[in-house]
Structure formats: C-alpha cells, structure tokens
Amino acid sequence: MRRVKTIQVEGRGEVTVREVSIKGVYQAWESEDMLEQMKGLVDEAVSPGFEELSNWYPSEIETVVDALLEVNSSFLGIAGKLKLKGVIEGTLATIGESLPKLFVSSLSEVT
C-alpha cells in the first residue's frame, strides 16, 4: 500500500506527500530532460504540485522534504540494503543541483 502523509505547513495549509514509485524515480533518473521529469515526480508525490511549491520559501519546502523522506523510507532502506547508497547519493546531488534550475525555469514561464 502506498504510504501517504498529510502535514500542515504554517502559512500554507495542508500538504499531502506520497510515496514515489520506483518507475517514476527510474524514469527521472534516466531521462534526457531530468528537469521536466522532476517536475512530474514532484506532482506525483506532493499536493499541491510543483507550480505552487515553486513560490514557497525554502523553510516551507524543508518541511515537505522531511515528510517525503519519511514516506519514502522503504525505498531508501531497500537502496541501502542493495548497496546503492552511492547511486542514491549521486541522484540526490543531481536533484539538489537541479532544484534551482527548476525554480528558475518556473520563473521564466511566469514572466
């Protein structure tokens, strides 16, 4: 059963975070357009989706990320058991590098 958690983000209200699918992570990882795939992955895992989150402050997003890590602990645990820690860390680093680009790309769509 897919894990889901609802949290309250001060000033923003209710946020629902969901466990991501292995397929979704794999598609984002293997995609030539990782930025666009990451937007889709955020939309799959978080409600509200990427467009609204792109207007939030880092301190607000941090709460969402903490909840995402919690509901995806099984995926991260399996990756650790399979000795994929380095792969996961590399992917997370790539995602971390991509986030500013994602947010900047959303700004260019608005202006």
Protein backbone atom coordinates (compact mmCIF):
# COMPACT_ATOMS: atom_id res chain seq x y z
CA MET A 1 0.00 0.00 0.00
CA ARG A 2 1.32 3.41 -0.95
CA ARG A 3 2.34 5.48 2.06
CA VAL A 4 0.74 8.91 2.36
CA LYS A 5 1.16 11.61 4.98
CA THR A 6 -0.68 14.88 5.43
CA ILE A 7 1.16 17.72 7.12
CA GLN A 8 0.44 21.33 7.98
CA VAL A 9 2.82 23.99 6.69
CA GLU A 10 2.44 27.23 8.59
CA GLY A 11 1.03 29.94 6.36
CA ARG A 12 0.35 27.48 3.52
CA GLY A 13 -2.07 24.96 4.95
CA GLU A 14 -2.41 21.26 4.30
CA VAL A 15 0.11 19.38 2.17
CA THR A 16 -0.15 15.73 1.19
CA VAL A 17 3.03 13.80 0.43
CA ARG A 18 3.04 10.36 -1.17
CA GLU A 19 5.49 7.56 -1.66
CA VAL A 20 7.11 7.75 -5.10
CA SER A 21 7.12 4.78 -7.41
CA ILE A 22 10.32 3.03 -8.41
CA LYS A 23 9.28 3.56 -12.03
CA GLY A 24 8.90 7.31 -11.52
CA VAL A 25 12.34 7.60 -9.93
CA TYR A 26 13.90 5.46 -12.67
CA GLN A 27 12.28 7.49 -15.44
CA ALA A 28 13.51 10.75 -13.90
CA TRP A 29 16.98 9.29 -13.41
CA GLU A 30 17.26 8.00 -17.00
CA SER A 31 15.57 10.92 -18.73
CA GLU A 32 17.39 13.24 -21.09
CA ASP A 33 15.19 16.03 -19.71
CA MET A 34 15.64 15.39 -15.99
CA LEU A 35 14.26 18.80 -15.04
CA GLU A 36 10.91 18.13 -16.68
CA GLN A 37 10.77 14.63 -15.22
CA MET A 38 11.49 16.03 -11.75
CA LYS A 39 8.54 18.39 -12.09
CA GLY A 40 6.37 15.38 -12.90
CA LEU A 41 7.79 13.44 -9.96
CA VAL A 42 7.03 16.34 -7.61
CA ASP A 43 3.48 16.50 -8.97
CA GLU A 44 3.10 12.73 -8.40
CA ALA A 45 4.40 12.90 -4.84
CA VAL A 46 3.21 16.25 -3.45
CA SER A 47 -0.08 18.07 -3.40
CA PRO A 48 -0.03 20.98 -4.04
CA GLY A 49 2.20 20.36 -7.03
CA PHE A 50 5.34 21.90 -8.43
CA GLU A 51 3.80 25.12 -9.74
CA GLU A 52 2.55 26.18 -6.31
CA LEU A 53 5.61 24.90 -4.44
CA SER A 54 7.88 26.92 -6.71
CA ASN A 55 6.52 30.05 -5.00
CA TRP A 56 7.28 28.79 -1.49
CA TYR A 57 10.23 29.69 0.70
CA PRO A 58 12.98 27.13 1.45
CA SER A 59 11.95 26.88 5.10
CA GLU A 60 8.45 25.86 3.98
CA ILE A 61 9.75 23.36 1.43
CA GLU A 62 12.08 21.84 4.03
CA THR A 63 9.05 20.62 5.99
CA VAL A 64 7.72 18.95 2.83
CA VAL A 65 11.10 17.33 2.10
CA ASP A 66 11.24 15.92 5.64
CA ALA A 67 7.80 14.33 5.13
CA LEU A 68 8.88 12.97 1.71
CA LEU A 69 11.90 11.31 3.27
CA GLU A 70 9.66 9.76 5.91
CA VAL A 71 7.11 8.28 3.48
CA ASN A 72 9.90 7.08 1.18
CA SER A 73 11.95 5.44 3.93
CA SER A 74 11.25 1.95 2.50
CA PHE A 75 12.74 2.93 -0.87
CA LEU A 76 15.78 4.45 0.80
CA GLY A 77 16.13 1.41 3.08
CA ILE A 78 15.98 -1.03 0.15
CA ALA A 79 18.56 1.03 -1.72
CA GLY A 80 20.84 0.79 1.32
CA LYS A 81 20.39 -2.97 1.58
CA LEU A 82 21.23 -3.34 -2.11
CA LYS A 83 24.39 -1.26 -1.60
CA LEU A 84 23.04 1.51 -3.82
CA LYS A 85 23.83 4.24 -1.34
CA GLY A 86 26.35 5.86 -3.69
CA VAL A 87 23.88 5.80 -6.58
CA ILE A 88 21.15 7.31 -4.42
CA GLU A 89 23.51 9.98 -3.05
CA GLY A 90 24.59 10.84 -6.60
CA THR A 91 20.98 11.08 -7.72
CA LEU A 92 20.07 13.24 -4.74
CA ALA A 93 23.03 15.50 -5.51
CA THR A 94 21.83 15.82 -9.11
CA ILE A 95 18.33 16.61 -7.88
CA GLY A 96 19.78 19.18 -5.48
CA GLU A 97 21.65 20.81 -8.35
CA SER A 98 18.51 20.71 -10.48
CA LEU A 99 16.16 22.35 -7.98
CA PRO A 100 17.43 25.90 -8.53
CA LYS A 101 17.13 25.34 -12.29
CA LEU A 102 13.58 24.04 -11.81
CA PHE A 103 12.59 27.11 -9.85
CA VAL A 104 14.30 29.48 -12.28
CA SER A 105 12.58 27.76 -15.21
CA SER A 106 9.22 28.27 -13.49
CA LEU A 107 10.02 31.98 -13.13
CA SER A 108 10.70 32.33 -16.84
CA GLU A 109 7.27 30.80 -17.54
CA VAL A 110 5.63 33.49 -15.39
CA THR A 111 7.49 36.47 -16.81
